[in-house]
Amino acid sequence: MFTGIIEEIGSIESMRKSSSSMELTISAERVLEDVQVGDSISVNGVCLTVTSFNRGEFQVDVMPETFEGTTLRTLSRGSRVNLERAMAANGRFGGHFVNGHVDGIGSIVRVEKVENAWYMDISIPEHQSHLFIMKGSVAIDGTSLTVFGVHSNKITISLIPQTRGDTVLGEKKVGDIVNIECDVMAKYFHRFYEAKEQVKSTSNNISYDFLSQNGFAD
């Protein structure tokens, strides 16, 4: 579990890439302060497991499902990435609950500076638009942000100078792709609603024949 508050920007030092998986070596400082093999570190919003480390870098494996479903496959040597360690139970919680499980990939379609903020429109998979609400939470490349606009095929977020300077989002431009993780509470609520509607639909169709076919009648 993560908070979406990026701790530092790391850099891809090397990578071993196959057709649908890869191993990344990432340079870092702060996230290595208390690292152990097996720890979880969010890399651009993707929860990955540390397989080895030394004083200035760590290694992670990217399995086929993650390779295909996230932007990590587009990384190259020198790419900069958002890094965050898993949330400590005794730490402050300044963002929102972020699992590190990417729901989809979006594309930046607008970047506009307004006063001290930078507005971004990001395309979203249309079948997931119901998971976003005004003033709700979203994680973009692992960064906890507030949704300021919702449309059928895009959302609007705003970056303050601090977030723009401390994350890779400040380097993004129109056409770049990003990892999107919807608010976990929205996903659970929607799944609960779907299940409730399914039960309601089934109960409305119960008949003697239905009970008989399913072993509940003589």
N, C-alpha and C. Protein backbone atom coordinates (compact mmCIF):
# COMPACT_ATOMS: atom_id res chain seq x y z
N MET A 1 0.85 -1.19 0.00
CA MET A 1 0.00 0.00 0.00
C MET A 1 0.89 1.25 0.00
N PHE A 2 0.47 2.25 -0.80
CA PHE A 2 1.23 3.49 -0.92
C PHE A 2 0.31 4.68 -0.66
N THR A 3 0.90 5.87 -0.60
CA THR A 3 0.11 7.08 -0.36
C THR A 3 -0.03 7.96 -1.59
N GLY A 4 0.82 7.73 -2.59
CA GLY A 4 0.81 8.61 -3.76
C GLY A 4 1.63 9.87 -3.57
N ILE A 5 2.36 9.96 -2.46
CA ILE A 5 3.26 11.09 -2.23
C ILE A 5 4.67 10.64 -2.65
N ILE A 6 5.12 11.11 -3.78
CA ILE A 6 6.39 10.67 -4.36
C ILE A 6 7.55 11.11 -3.47
N GLU A 7 8.47 10.16 -3.19
CA GLU A 7 9.60 10.47 -2.33
C GLU A 7 10.80 11.02 -3.09
N GLU A 8 10.99 10.54 -4.30
CA GLU A 8 12.10 11.03 -5.11
C GLU A 8 11.93 10.56 -6.55
N ILE A 9 12.71 11.16 -7.42
CA ILE A 9 12.75 10.75 -8.82
C ILE A 9 14.02 9.94 -9.03
N GLY A 10 13.85 8.70 -9.50
CA GLY A 10 14.99 7.84 -9.80
C GLY A 10 15.25 7.82 -11.29
N SER A 11 16.28 7.08 -11.68
CA SER A 11 16.65 7.00 -13.09
C SER A 11 16.94 5.55 -13.46
N ILE A 12 16.51 5.15 -14.65
CA ILE A 12 16.80 3.80 -15.14
C ILE A 12 18.27 3.72 -15.54
N GLU A 13 19.04 2.92 -14.80
CA GLU A 13 20.46 2.77 -15.08
C GLU A 13 20.72 1.73 -16.16
N SER A 14 19.96 0.64 -16.11
CA SER A 14 20.11 -0.40 -17.13
C SER A 14 18.85 -1.24 -17.16
N MET A 15 18.67 -2.01 -18.21
CA MET A 15 17.51 -2.88 -18.32
C MET A 15 17.83 -4.07 -19.20
N ARG A 16 17.25 -5.20 -18.81
CA ARG A 16 17.31 -6.40 -19.63
C ARG A 16 15.89 -6.70 -20.06
N LYS A 17 15.64 -6.61 -21.34
CA LYS A 17 14.28 -6.66 -21.85
C LYS A 17 14.09 -7.84 -22.80
N SER A 18 12.98 -8.57 -22.61
CA SER A 18 12.61 -9.63 -23.55
C SER A 18 11.33 -9.20 -24.25
N SER A 19 10.66 -10.10 -24.90
CA SER A 19 9.45 -9.74 -25.66
C SER A 19 8.31 -9.29 -24.76
N SER A 20 8.23 -9.80 -23.52
CA SER A 20 7.10 -9.43 -22.67
C SER A 20 7.46 -9.37 -21.18
N SER A 21 8.72 -9.15 -20.87
CA SER A 21 9.13 -8.98 -19.48
C SER A 21 10.46 -8.23 -19.47
N MET A 22 10.88 -7.79 -18.30
CA MET A 22 12.18 -7.12 -18.22
C MET A 22 12.66 -7.01 -16.78
N GLU A 23 13.94 -6.76 -16.64
CA GLU A 23 14.56 -6.50 -15.35
C GLU A 23 15.13 -5.10 -15.39
N LEU A 24 14.79 -4.29 -14.38
CA LEU A 24 15.22 -2.89 -14.33
C LEU A 24 16.21 -2.68 -13.19
N THR A 25 17.23 -1.91 -13.46
CA THR A 25 18.13 -1.41 -12.41
C THR A 25 17.91 0.09 -12.31
N ILE A 26 17.54 0.56 -11.12
CA ILE A 26 17.12 1.94 -10.93
C ILE A 26 18.00 2.62 -9.89
N SER A 27 18.54 3.77 -10.25
CA SER A 27 19.34 4.52 -9.28
C SER A 27 18.41 5.32 -8.37
N ALA A 28 18.78 5.41 -7.09
CA ALA A 28 17.95 6.11 -6.11
C ALA A 28 18.79 6.41 -4.89
N GLU A 29 18.22 7.21 -3.99
CA GLU A 29 18.89 7.52 -2.72
C GLU A 29 17.94 7.29 -1.55
N ARG A 30 16.91 8.11 -1.48
CA ARG A 30 16.05 8.11 -0.30
C ARG A 30 15.34 6.78 -0.09
N VAL A 31 14.82 6.16 -1.16
CA VAL A 31 14.07 4.91 -0.98
C VAL A 31 14.97 3.75 -0.60
N LEU A 32 16.28 3.96 -0.68
CA LEU A 32 17.22 2.90 -0.32
C LEU A 32 17.69 2.99 1.13
N GLU A 33 17.23 3.98 1.86
CA GLU A 33 17.71 4.21 3.21
C GLU A 33 17.50 3.02 4.13
N ASP A 34 16.38 2.33 3.99
CA ASP A 34 16.09 1.18 4.85
C ASP A 34 15.61 -0.02 4.04
N VAL A 35 16.00 -0.09 2.78
CA VAL A 35 15.48 -1.12 1.88
C VAL A 35 15.98 -2.51 2.26
N GLN A 36 15.13 -3.50 1.99
CA GLN A 36 15.48 -4.90 2.14
C GLN A 36 14.98 -5.66 0.91
N VAL A 37 15.64 -6.76 0.59
CA VAL A 37 15.16 -7.61 -0.50
C VAL A 37 13.74 -8.07 -0.17
N GLY A 38 12.84 -7.96 -1.13
CA GLY A 38 11.44 -8.32 -0.91
C GLY A 38 10.54 -7.14 -0.61
N ASP A 39 11.13 -5.97 -0.36
CA ASP A 39 10.32 -4.76 -0.13
C ASP A 39 9.61 -4.34 -1.40
N SER A 40 8.51 -3.63 -1.22
CA SER A 40 7.76 -3.08 -2.36
C SER A 40 8.13 -1.62 -2.57
N ILE A 41 8.39 -1.27 -3.81
CA ILE A 41 8.62 0.12 -4.19
C ILE A 41 7.75 0.42 -5.41
N SER A 42 7.06 1.54 -5.34
CA SER A 42 6.24 1.97 -6.47
C SER A 42 7.12 2.70 -7.48
N VAL A 43 7.10 2.21 -8.72
CA VAL A 43 7.86 2.81 -9.82
C VAL A 43 6.86 3.32 -10.85
N ASN A 44 6.72 4.64 -10.93
CA ASN A 44 5.69 5.25 -11.79
C ASN A 44 4.31 4.65 -11.53
N GLY A 45 4.04 4.40 -10.24
CA GLY A 45 2.72 3.91 -9.86
C GLY A 45 2.54 2.42 -9.91
N VAL A 46 3.60 1.68 -10.24
CA VAL A 46 3.51 0.23 -10.34
C VAL A 46 4.24 -0.39 -9.15
N CYS A 47 3.56 -1.21 -8.38
CA CYS A 47 4.17 -1.87 -7.23
C CYS A 47 5.10 -2.98 -7.71
N LEU A 48 6.40 -2.83 -7.41
CA LEU A 48 7.40 -3.82 -7.82
C LEU A 48 8.19 -4.27 -6.60
N THR A 49 8.74 -5.48 -6.68
CA THR A 49 9.46 -6.07 -5.57
C THR A 49 10.97 -5.96 -5.77
N VAL A 50 11.65 -5.49 -4.75
CA VAL A 50 13.11 -5.37 -4.80
C VAL A 50 13.74 -6.76 -4.78
N THR A 51 14.54 -7.08 -5.80
CA THR A 51 15.19 -8.38 -5.86
C THR A 51 16.65 -8.32 -5.41
N SER A 52 17.27 -7.15 -5.53
CA SER A 52 18.63 -6.93 -5.03
C SER A 52 18.88 -5.43 -4.98
N PHE A 53 19.92 -5.03 -4.26
CA PHE A 53 20.22 -3.60 -4.15
C PHE A 53 21.66 -3.41 -3.71
N ASN A 54 22.17 -2.22 -3.92
CA ASN A 54 23.45 -1.83 -3.36
C ASN A 54 23.34 -0.38 -2.90
N ARG A 55 24.44 0.29 -2.68
CA ARG A 55 24.42 1.62 -2.09
C ARG A 55 23.61 2.63 -2.89
N GLY A 56 23.62 2.54 -4.22
CA GLY A 56 22.99 3.58 -5.01
C GLY A 56 21.95 3.13 -6.02
N GLU A 57 21.57 1.84 -6.00
CA GLU A 57 20.59 1.37 -6.98
C GLU A 57 19.93 0.08 -6.50
N PHE A 58 18.80 -0.23 -7.13
CA PHE A 58 18.10 -1.47 -6.81
C PHE A 58 17.56 -2.10 -8.09
N GLN A 59 17.27 -3.40 -8.01
CA GLN A 59 16.76 -4.13 -9.17
C GLN A 59 15.34 -4.63 -8.89
N VAL A 60 14.53 -4.65 -9.95
CA VAL A 60 13.17 -5.18 -9.89
C VAL A 60 12.88 -5.95 -11.17
N ASP A 61 11.98 -6.92 -11.08
CA ASP A 61 11.52 -7.67 -12.24
C ASP A 61 10.13 -7.18 -12.64
N VAL A 62 9.90 -7.09 -13.94
CA VAL A 62 8.59 -6.71 -14.47
C VAL A 62 8.04 -7.91 -15.22
N MET A 63 6.95 -8.50 -14.70
CA MET A 63 6.39 -9.71 -15.30
C MET A 63 5.52 -9.35 -16.51
N PRO A 64 5.16 -10.35 -17.33
CA PRO A 64 4.42 -10.07 -18.57
C PRO A 64 3.14 -9.26 -18.38
N GLU A 65 2.33 -9.57 -17.36
CA GLU A 65 1.07 -8.83 -17.17
C GLU A 65 1.33 -7.35 -16.93
N THR A 66 2.33 -7.06 -16.10
CA THR A 66 2.69 -5.68 -15.82
C THR A 66 3.32 -5.03 -17.04
N PHE A 67 4.13 -5.77 -17.75
CA PHE A 67 4.78 -5.28 -18.97
C PHE A 67 3.74 -4.82 -19.98
N GLU A 68 2.70 -5.63 -20.17
CA GLU A 68 1.69 -5.32 -21.18
C GLU A 68 0.70 -4.26 -20.73
N GLY A 69 0.45 -4.17 -19.42
CA GLY A 69 -0.62 -3.31 -18.94
C GLY A 69 -0.19 -1.97 -18.37
N THR A 70 1.10 -1.64 -18.46
CA THR A 70 1.57 -0.37 -17.90
C THR A 70 2.53 0.31 -18.89
N THR A 71 2.93 1.51 -18.54
CA THR A 71 3.87 2.25 -19.40
C THR A 71 5.33 1.84 -19.17
N LEU A 72 5.58 0.94 -18.23
CA LEU A 72 6.96 0.56 -17.94
C LEU A 72 7.67 0.01 -19.18
N ARG A 73 6.92 -0.61 -20.07
CA ARG A 73 7.53 -1.19 -21.28
C ARG A 73 8.13 -0.12 -22.19
N THR A 74 7.74 1.15 -21.99
CA THR A 74 8.25 2.22 -22.85
C THR A 74 9.51 2.86 -22.29
N LEU A 75 9.92 2.45 -21.09
CA LEU A 75 11.10 3.04 -20.48
C LEU A 75 12.37 2.65 -21.23
N SER A 76 13.38 3.47 -21.10
CA SER A 76 14.69 3.18 -21.68
C SER A 76 15.76 3.66 -20.72
N ARG A 77 16.99 3.35 -21.00
CA ARG A 77 18.08 3.79 -20.13
C ARG A 77 18.08 5.32 -20.03
N GLY A 78 18.13 5.82 -18.81
CA GLY A 78 18.10 7.26 -18.58
C GLY A 78 16.73 7.81 -18.27
N SER A 79 15.66 7.02 -18.49
CA SER A 79 14.31 7.48 -18.17
C SER A 79 14.20 7.78 -16.68
N ARG A 80 13.51 8.87 -16.35
CA ARG A 80 13.29 9.25 -14.96
C ARG A 80 11.94 8.71 -14.50
N VAL A 81 11.89 8.23 -13.25
CA VAL A 81 10.69 7.57 -12.75
C VAL A 81 10.37 8.03 -11.33
N ASN A 82 9.07 8.09 -11.02
CA ASN A 82 8.61 8.39 -9.67
C ASN A 82 8.84 7.18 -8.77
N LEU A 83 9.34 7.42 -7.56
CA LEU A 83 9.59 6.34 -6.61
C LEU A 83 8.93 6.63 -5.27
N GLU A 84 8.34 5.59 -4.69
CA GLU A 84 7.77 5.70 -3.34
C GLU A 84 7.86 4.34 -2.66
N ARG A 85 8.34 4.33 -1.43
CA ARG A 85 8.33 3.11 -0.64
C ARG A 85 6.91 2.82 -0.14
N ALA A 86 6.67 1.54 0.20
CA ALA A 86 5.38 1.18 0.78
C ALA A 86 5.15 1.99 2.05
N MET A 87 3.88 2.30 2.31
CA MET A 87 3.51 3.15 3.43
C MET A 87 3.87 2.51 4.77
N ALA A 88 4.51 3.27 5.64
CA ALA A 88 4.83 2.79 6.98
C ALA A 88 3.62 2.96 7.89
N ALA A 89 3.38 1.98 8.75
CA ALA A 89 2.20 2.03 9.63
C ALA A 89 2.26 3.21 10.59
N ASN A 90 3.47 3.68 10.92
CA ASN A 90 3.59 4.79 11.87
C ASN A 90 3.89 6.12 11.18
N GLY A 91 3.70 6.17 9.85
CA GLY A 91 3.99 7.39 9.11
C GLY A 91 2.76 8.24 8.88
N ARG A 92 2.98 9.46 8.43
CA ARG A 92 1.87 10.33 8.07
C ARG A 92 1.26 9.88 6.75
N PHE A 93 -0.02 10.17 6.58
CA PHE A 93 -0.74 9.71 5.41
C PHE A 93 -1.27 10.93 4.66
N GLY A 94 -0.48 11.46 3.74
CA GLY A 94 -0.83 12.73 3.13
C GLY A 94 -1.55 12.64 1.80
N GLY A 95 -1.62 11.45 1.19
CA GLY A 95 -2.26 11.33 -0.11
C GLY A 95 -3.58 10.59 0.00
N HIS A 96 -3.68 9.44 -0.71
CA HIS A 96 -4.83 8.57 -0.57
C HIS A 96 -4.35 7.13 -0.72
N PHE A 97 -5.20 6.16 -0.45
CA PHE A 97 -4.80 4.76 -0.54
C PHE A 97 -4.51 4.40 -2.00
N VAL A 98 -3.26 4.05 -2.26
CA VAL A 98 -2.82 3.67 -3.61
C VAL A 98 -2.24 2.26 -3.53
N ASN A 99 -2.76 1.37 -4.35
CA ASN A 99 -2.33 -0.03 -4.29
C ASN A 99 -1.10 -0.32 -5.13
N GLY A 100 -0.84 0.52 -6.13
CA GLY A 100 0.24 0.21 -7.05
C GLY A 100 -0.18 -0.78 -8.13
N HIS A 101 -1.50 -0.90 -8.31
CA HIS A 101 -2.05 -1.78 -9.35
C HIS A 101 -2.71 -0.91 -10.41
N VAL A 102 -2.07 -0.78 -11.54
CA VAL A 102 -2.52 0.14 -12.59
C VAL A 102 -3.78 -0.38 -13.26
N ASP A 103 -4.78 0.51 -13.41
CA ASP A 103 -6.05 0.14 -14.03
C ASP A 103 -6.07 0.40 -15.53
N GLY A 104 -5.22 1.29 -16.00
CA GLY A 104 -5.21 1.60 -17.43
C GLY A 104 -4.13 2.61 -17.77
N ILE A 105 -3.96 2.82 -19.04
CA ILE A 105 -2.98 3.78 -19.54
C ILE A 105 -3.73 4.94 -20.20
N GLY A 106 -3.34 6.15 -19.84
CA GLY A 106 -3.95 7.33 -20.43
C GLY A 106 -2.93 8.12 -21.22
N SER A 107 -3.42 9.03 -22.04
CA SER A 107 -2.55 9.89 -22.84
C SER A 107 -2.86 11.34 -22.51
N ILE A 108 -1.83 12.13 -22.37
CA ILE A 108 -2.01 13.56 -22.07
C ILE A 108 -2.45 14.28 -23.34
N VAL A 109 -3.61 14.94 -23.27
CA VAL A 109 -4.15 15.60 -24.45
C VAL A 109 -4.13 17.12 -24.33
N ARG A 110 -3.86 17.64 -23.12
CA ARG A 110 -3.75 19.10 -22.96
C ARG A 110 -2.90 19.41 -21.73
N VAL A 111 -2.03 20.40 -21.86
CA VAL A 111 -1.29 20.95 -20.73
C VAL A 111 -1.40 22.47 -20.82
N GLU A 112 -1.92 23.09 -19.77
CA GLU A 112 -2.13 24.54 -19.80
C GLU A 112 -1.81 25.15 -18.44
N LYS A 113 -1.01 26.21 -18.43
CA LYS A 113 -0.68 26.90 -17.18
C LYS A 113 -1.77 27.93 -16.88
N VAL A 114 -2.30 27.87 -15.68
CA VAL A 114 -3.31 28.82 -15.22
C VAL A 114 -2.87 29.34 -13.86
N GLU A 115 -2.46 30.61 -13.82
CA GLU A 115 -1.92 31.19 -12.59
C GLU A 115 -0.74 30.35 -12.10
N ASN A 116 -0.86 29.77 -10.89
CA ASN A 116 0.26 28.99 -10.35
C ASN A 116 0.06 27.48 -10.52
N ALA A 117 -0.86 27.09 -11.37
CA ALA A 117 -1.16 25.67 -11.57
C ALA A 117 -1.00 25.29 -13.04
N TRP A 118 -0.76 24.00 -13.26
CA TRP A 118 -0.73 23.45 -14.61
C TRP A 118 -1.85 22.44 -14.72
N TYR A 119 -2.80 22.71 -15.62
CA TYR A 119 -3.92 21.81 -15.84
C TYR A 119 -3.55 20.78 -16.90
N MET A 120 -3.93 19.55 -16.65
CA MET A 120 -3.71 18.47 -17.61
C MET A 120 -5.01 17.75 -17.88
N ASP A 121 -5.32 17.56 -19.15
CA ASP A 121 -6.40 16.66 -19.55
C ASP A 121 -5.76 15.34 -19.93
N ILE A 122 -6.27 14.26 -19.37
CA ILE A 122 -5.71 12.94 -19.61
C ILE A 122 -6.81 12.02 -20.11
N SER A 123 -6.59 11.39 -21.25
CA SER A 123 -7.58 10.45 -21.78
C SER A 123 -7.67 9.25 -20.86
N ILE A 124 -8.87 8.69 -20.75
CA ILE A 124 -9.09 7.51 -19.91
C ILE A 124 -9.86 6.47 -20.72
N PRO A 125 -9.70 5.19 -20.37
CA PRO A 125 -10.52 4.17 -21.02
C PRO A 125 -12.00 4.47 -20.76
N GLU A 126 -12.81 4.53 -21.81
CA GLU A 126 -14.20 4.96 -21.66
C GLU A 126 -14.98 4.05 -20.71
N HIS A 127 -14.64 2.77 -20.68
CA HIS A 127 -15.38 1.84 -19.82
C HIS A 127 -15.06 2.04 -18.35
N GLN A 128 -14.10 2.92 -18.04
CA GLN A 128 -13.75 3.19 -16.64
C GLN A 128 -14.19 4.58 -16.18
N SER A 129 -14.89 5.32 -17.02
CA SER A 129 -15.24 6.70 -16.69
C SER A 129 -16.12 6.80 -15.44
N HIS A 130 -16.89 5.74 -15.16
CA HIS A 130 -17.77 5.76 -13.99
C HIS A 130 -17.00 5.69 -12.67
N LEU A 131 -15.70 5.42 -12.73
CA LEU A 131 -14.88 5.31 -11.51
C LEU A 131 -14.27 6.63 -11.10
N PHE A 132 -14.55 7.72 -11.83
CA PHE A 132 -14.00 9.03 -11.52
C PHE A 132 -15.13 9.98 -11.14
N ILE A 133 -14.91 10.78 -10.10
CA ILE A 133 -15.88 11.79 -9.70
C ILE A 133 -15.15 13.10 -9.45
N MET A 134 -15.87 14.21 -9.58
CA MET A 134 -15.30 15.52 -9.26
C MET A 134 -14.81 15.54 -7.82
N LYS A 135 -13.61 16.04 -7.63
CA LYS A 135 -12.95 16.15 -6.33
C LYS A 135 -12.59 14.79 -5.74
N GLY A 136 -12.69 13.75 -6.57
CA GLY A 136 -12.24 12.43 -6.13
C GLY A 136 -10.74 12.29 -6.33
N SER A 137 -10.21 11.14 -5.94
CA SER A 137 -8.77 10.91 -6.02
C SER A 137 -8.41 10.01 -7.19
N VAL A 138 -7.21 10.22 -7.71
CA VAL A 138 -6.66 9.39 -8.77
C VAL A 138 -5.14 9.38 -8.60
N ALA A 139 -4.49 8.30 -9.00
CA ALA A 139 -3.04 8.24 -9.00
C ALA A 139 -2.56 8.23 -10.45
N ILE A 140 -1.76 9.23 -10.82
CA ILE A 140 -1.20 9.32 -12.16
C ILE A 140 0.31 9.10 -12.05
N ASP A 141 0.81 8.03 -12.67
CA ASP A 141 2.21 7.64 -12.50
C ASP A 141 2.59 7.57 -11.02
N GLY A 142 1.62 7.11 -10.22
CA GLY A 142 1.85 6.94 -8.79
C GLY A 142 1.67 8.18 -7.95
N THR A 143 1.34 9.31 -8.56
CA THR A 143 1.18 10.57 -7.84
C THR A 143 -0.27 10.79 -7.44
N SER A 144 -0.53 11.00 -6.17
CA SER A 144 -1.88 11.24 -5.68
C SER A 144 -2.35 12.63 -6.12
N LEU A 145 -3.48 12.66 -6.85
CA LEU A 145 -4.00 13.92 -7.38
C LEU A 145 -5.51 13.97 -7.22
N THR A 146 -6.05 15.17 -7.32
CA THR A 146 -7.49 15.39 -7.24
C THR A 146 -8.05 15.61 -8.63
N VAL A 147 -9.19 14.97 -8.90
CA VAL A 147 -9.86 15.11 -10.20
C VAL A 147 -10.67 16.41 -10.20
N PHE A 148 -10.41 17.28 -11.19
CA PHE A 148 -11.12 18.55 -11.28
C PHE A 148 -12.07 18.63 -12.47
N GLY A 149 -12.12 17.56 -13.26
CA GLY A 149 -13.05 17.53 -14.38
C GLY A 149 -13.21 16.10 -14.85
N VAL A 150 -14.45 15.71 -15.16
CA VAL A 150 -14.73 14.34 -15.60
C VAL A 150 -15.56 14.38 -16.86
N HIS A 151 -15.10 13.68 -17.89
CA HIS A 151 -15.83 13.54 -19.14
C HIS A 151 -15.86 12.06 -19.50
N SER A 152 -16.56 11.71 -20.56
CA SER A 152 -16.70 10.30 -20.91
C SER A 152 -15.37 9.68 -21.30
N ASN A 153 -14.46 10.49 -21.80
CA ASN A 153 -13.19 9.92 -22.29
C ASN A 153 -11.95 10.63 -21.76
N LYS A 154 -12.12 11.51 -20.76
CA LYS A 154 -10.94 12.17 -20.20
C LYS A 154 -11.25 12.75 -18.83
N ILE A 155 -10.16 12.98 -18.07
CA ILE A 155 -10.28 13.67 -16.78
C ILE A 155 -9.32 14.86 -16.79
N THR A 156 -9.57 15.80 -15.90
CA THR A 156 -8.69 16.96 -15.75
C THR A 156 -8.09 16.93 -14.35
N ILE A 157 -6.77 17.09 -14.28
CA ILE A 157 -6.09 17.20 -12.99
C ILE A 157 -5.27 18.48 -12.99
N SER A 158 -4.84 18.89 -11.81
CA SER A 158 -4.07 20.13 -11.68
C SER A 158 -2.82 19.86 -10.87
N LEU A 159 -1.69 20.40 -11.35
CA LEU A 159 -0.41 20.25 -10.64
C LEU A 159 -0.01 21.57 -10.01
N ILE A 160 0.26 21.55 -8.71
CA ILE A 160 0.84 22.72 -8.07
C ILE A 160 2.34 22.72 -8.35
N PRO A 161 3.02 23.84 -8.19
CA PRO A 161 4.46 23.88 -8.47
C PRO A 161 5.26 22.80 -7.74
N GLN A 162 4.90 22.52 -6.48
CA GLN A 162 5.62 21.51 -5.70
C GLN A 162 5.54 20.14 -6.36
N THR A 163 4.34 19.74 -6.75
CA THR A 163 4.15 18.44 -7.39
C THR A 163 4.83 18.39 -8.75
N ARG A 164 4.73 19.48 -9.48
CA ARG A 164 5.34 19.53 -10.80
C ARG A 164 6.86 19.40 -10.71
N GLY A 165 7.45 19.98 -9.68
CA GLY A 165 8.90 19.93 -9.54
C GLY A 165 9.41 18.64 -8.94
N ASP A 166 8.59 17.98 -8.12
CA ASP A 166 9.04 16.81 -7.39
C ASP A 166 8.65 15.48 -8.02
N THR A 167 7.96 15.51 -9.15
CA THR A 167 7.56 14.27 -9.83
C THR A 167 7.85 14.38 -11.32
N VAL A 168 7.80 13.24 -11.99
CA VAL A 168 8.05 13.24 -13.43
C VAL A 168 6.91 13.86 -14.22
N LEU A 169 5.77 14.12 -13.56
CA LEU A 169 4.64 14.73 -14.27
C LEU A 169 4.99 16.12 -14.78
N GLY A 170 5.91 16.80 -14.11
CA GLY A 170 6.33 18.12 -14.57
C GLY A 170 7.06 18.08 -15.90
N GLU A 171 7.53 16.90 -16.29
CA GLU A 171 8.27 16.75 -17.55
C GLU A 171 7.37 16.28 -18.68
N LYS A 172 6.12 15.94 -18.37
CA LYS A 172 5.24 15.36 -19.38
C LYS A 172 4.69 16.43 -20.31
N LYS A 173 4.44 16.00 -21.54
CA LYS A 173 3.88 16.90 -22.55
C LYS A 173 2.76 16.19 -23.29
N VAL A 174 2.06 16.93 -24.12
CA VAL A 174 0.95 16.37 -24.89
C VAL A 174 1.45 15.19 -25.73
N GLY A 175 0.72 14.10 -25.65
CA GLY A 175 1.08 12.89 -26.39
C GLY A 175 1.76 11.85 -25.53
N ASP A 176 2.31 12.25 -24.38
CA ASP A 176 2.95 11.29 -23.48
C ASP A 176 1.89 10.41 -22.81
N ILE A 177 2.27 9.18 -22.48
CA ILE A 177 1.33 8.28 -21.83
C ILE A 177 1.69 8.12 -20.36
N VAL A 178 0.66 7.82 -19.54
CA VAL A 178 0.84 7.73 -18.09
C VAL A 178 0.04 6.55 -17.55
N ASN A 179 0.49 6.05 -16.40
CA ASN A 179 -0.24 5.01 -15.69
C ASN A 179 -1.36 5.63 -14.86
N ILE A 180 -2.53 5.00 -14.89
CA ILE A 180 -3.68 5.49 -14.14
C ILE A 180 -4.15 4.42 -13.16
N GLU A 181 -4.29 4.80 -11.89
CA GLU A 181 -4.93 3.93 -10.91
C GLU A 181 -6.12 4.66 -10.32
N CYS A 182 -7.31 4.08 -10.50
CA CYS A 182 -8.53 4.68 -9.98
C CYS A 182 -8.58 4.51 -8.46
N ASP A 183 -9.37 5.34 -7.82
CA ASP A 183 -9.54 5.28 -6.37
C ASP A 183 -10.07 3.90 -5.98
N VAL A 184 -9.38 3.23 -5.07
CA VAL A 184 -9.76 1.88 -4.68
C VAL A 184 -11.16 1.83 -4.08
N MET A 185 -11.57 2.89 -3.37
CA MET A 185 -12.92 2.92 -2.79
C MET A 185 -13.98 2.94 -3.88
N ALA A 186 -13.71 3.66 -4.98
CA ALA A 186 -14.65 3.70 -6.10
C ALA A 186 -14.79 2.33 -6.73
N LYS A 187 -13.68 1.61 -6.84
CA LYS A 187 -13.72 0.27 -7.45
C LYS A 187 -14.51 -0.70 -6.58
N TYR A 188 -14.28 -0.65 -5.27
CA TYR A 188 -15.02 -1.55 -4.38
C TYR A 188 -16.51 -1.22 -4.37
N PHE A 189 -16.82 0.07 -4.34
CA PHE A 189 -18.23 0.47 -4.33
C PHE A 189 -18.93 0.02 -5.60
N HIS A 190 -18.27 0.20 -6.75
CA HIS A 190 -18.88 -0.21 -8.01
C HIS A 190 -19.08 -1.71 -8.06
N ARG A 191 -18.11 -2.48 -7.56
CA ARG A 191 -18.25 -3.94 -7.56
C ARG A 191 -19.38 -4.36 -6.65
N PHE A 192 -19.51 -3.71 -5.49
CA PHE A 192 -20.60 -4.01 -4.57
C PHE A 192 -21.95 -3.71 -5.22
N TYR A 193 -22.04 -2.57 -5.90
CA TYR A 193 -23.29 -2.18 -6.57
C TYR A 193 -23.67 -3.19 -7.65
N GLU A 194 -22.66 -3.60 -8.45
CA GLU A 194 -22.92 -4.59 -9.49
C GLU A 194 -23.47 -5.89 -8.90
N ALA A 195 -22.84 -6.34 -7.81
CA ALA A 195 -23.27 -7.58 -7.17
C ALA A 195 -24.69 -7.45 -6.62
N LYS A 196 -24.99 -6.29 -6.03
CA LYS A 196 -26.32 -6.05 -5.47
C LYS A 196 -27.37 -6.07 -6.57
N GLU A 197 -27.08 -5.43 -7.70
CA GLU A 197 -28.02 -5.41 -8.82
C GLU A 197 -28.21 -6.80 -9.40
N GLN A 198 -27.14 -7.60 -9.41
CA GLN A 198 -27.25 -8.96 -9.93
C GLN A 198 -28.14 -9.81 -9.04
N VAL A 199 -27.99 -9.65 -7.72
CA VAL A 199 -28.84 -10.38 -6.78
C VAL A 199 -30.28 -9.95 -6.92
N LYS A 200 -30.51 -8.63 -7.07
CA LYS A 200 -31.86 -8.11 -7.23
C LYS A 200 -32.52 -8.67 -8.49
N SER A 201 -31.75 -8.70 -9.59
CA SER A 201 -32.26 -9.22 -10.85
C SER A 201 -32.61 -10.69 -10.73
N THR A 202 -31.77 -11.45 -10.05
CA THR A 202 -32.02 -12.88 -9.88
C THR A 202 -33.24 -13.12 -9.01
N SER A 203 -33.37 -12.35 -7.91
CA SER A 203 -34.50 -12.56 -6.99
C SER A 203 -35.83 -12.23 -7.67
N ASN A 204 -35.84 -11.27 -8.59
CA ASN A 204 -37.07 -10.90 -9.29
C ASN A 204 -37.51 -11.97 -10.28
N ASN A 205 -36.60 -12.89 -10.63
CA ASN A 205 -36.91 -13.91 -11.62
C ASN A 205 -37.09 -15.30 -11.01
N ILE A 206 -37.16 -15.35 -9.67
CA ILE A 206 -37.35 -16.65 -9.03
C ILE A 206 -38.79 -17.12 -9.24
N SER A 207 -38.91 -18.35 -9.70
CA SER A 207 -40.23 -18.95 -9.93
C SER A 207 -40.19 -20.39 -9.45
N TYR A 208 -41.33 -21.07 -9.51
CA TYR A 208 -41.37 -22.48 -9.13
C TYR A 208 -40.45 -23.30 -10.02
N ASP A 209 -40.47 -23.01 -11.31
CA ASP A 209 -39.60 -23.74 -12.24
C ASP A 209 -38.13 -23.52 -11.92
N PHE A 210 -37.76 -22.26 -11.58
CA PHE A 210 -36.37 -21.95 -11.22
C PHE A 210 -35.95 -22.74 -9.99
N LEU A 211 -36.83 -22.77 -8.95
CA LEU A 211 -36.52 -23.51 -7.73
C LEU A 211 -36.40 -25.00 -8.01
N SER A 212 -37.29 -25.50 -8.83
CA SER A 212 -37.28 -26.91 -9.15
C SER A 212 -36.00 -27.30 -9.90
N GLN A 213 -35.62 -26.49 -10.84
CA GLN A 213 -34.41 -26.76 -11.63
C GLN A 213 -33.15 -26.72 -10.78
N ASN A 214 -33.21 -25.99 -9.68
CA ASN A 214 -32.04 -25.86 -8.84
C ASN A 214 -32.15 -26.63 -7.52
N GLY A 215 -33.09 -27.60 -7.48
CA GLY A 215 -33.15 -28.53 -6.36
C GLY A 215 -33.83 -28.04 -5.13
N PHE A 216 -34.67 -26.97 -5.25
CA PHE A 216 -35.33 -26.42 -4.07
C PHE A 216 -36.83 -26.75 -4.01
N ALA A 217 -37.33 -27.60 -4.90
CA ALA A 217 -38.74 -27.96 -4.88
C ALA A 217 -38.87 -29.46 -5.05
N ASP A 218 -40.00 -29.99 -4.53
CA ASP A 218 -40.23 -31.43 -4.63
C ASP A 218 -40.56 -31.82 -6.07
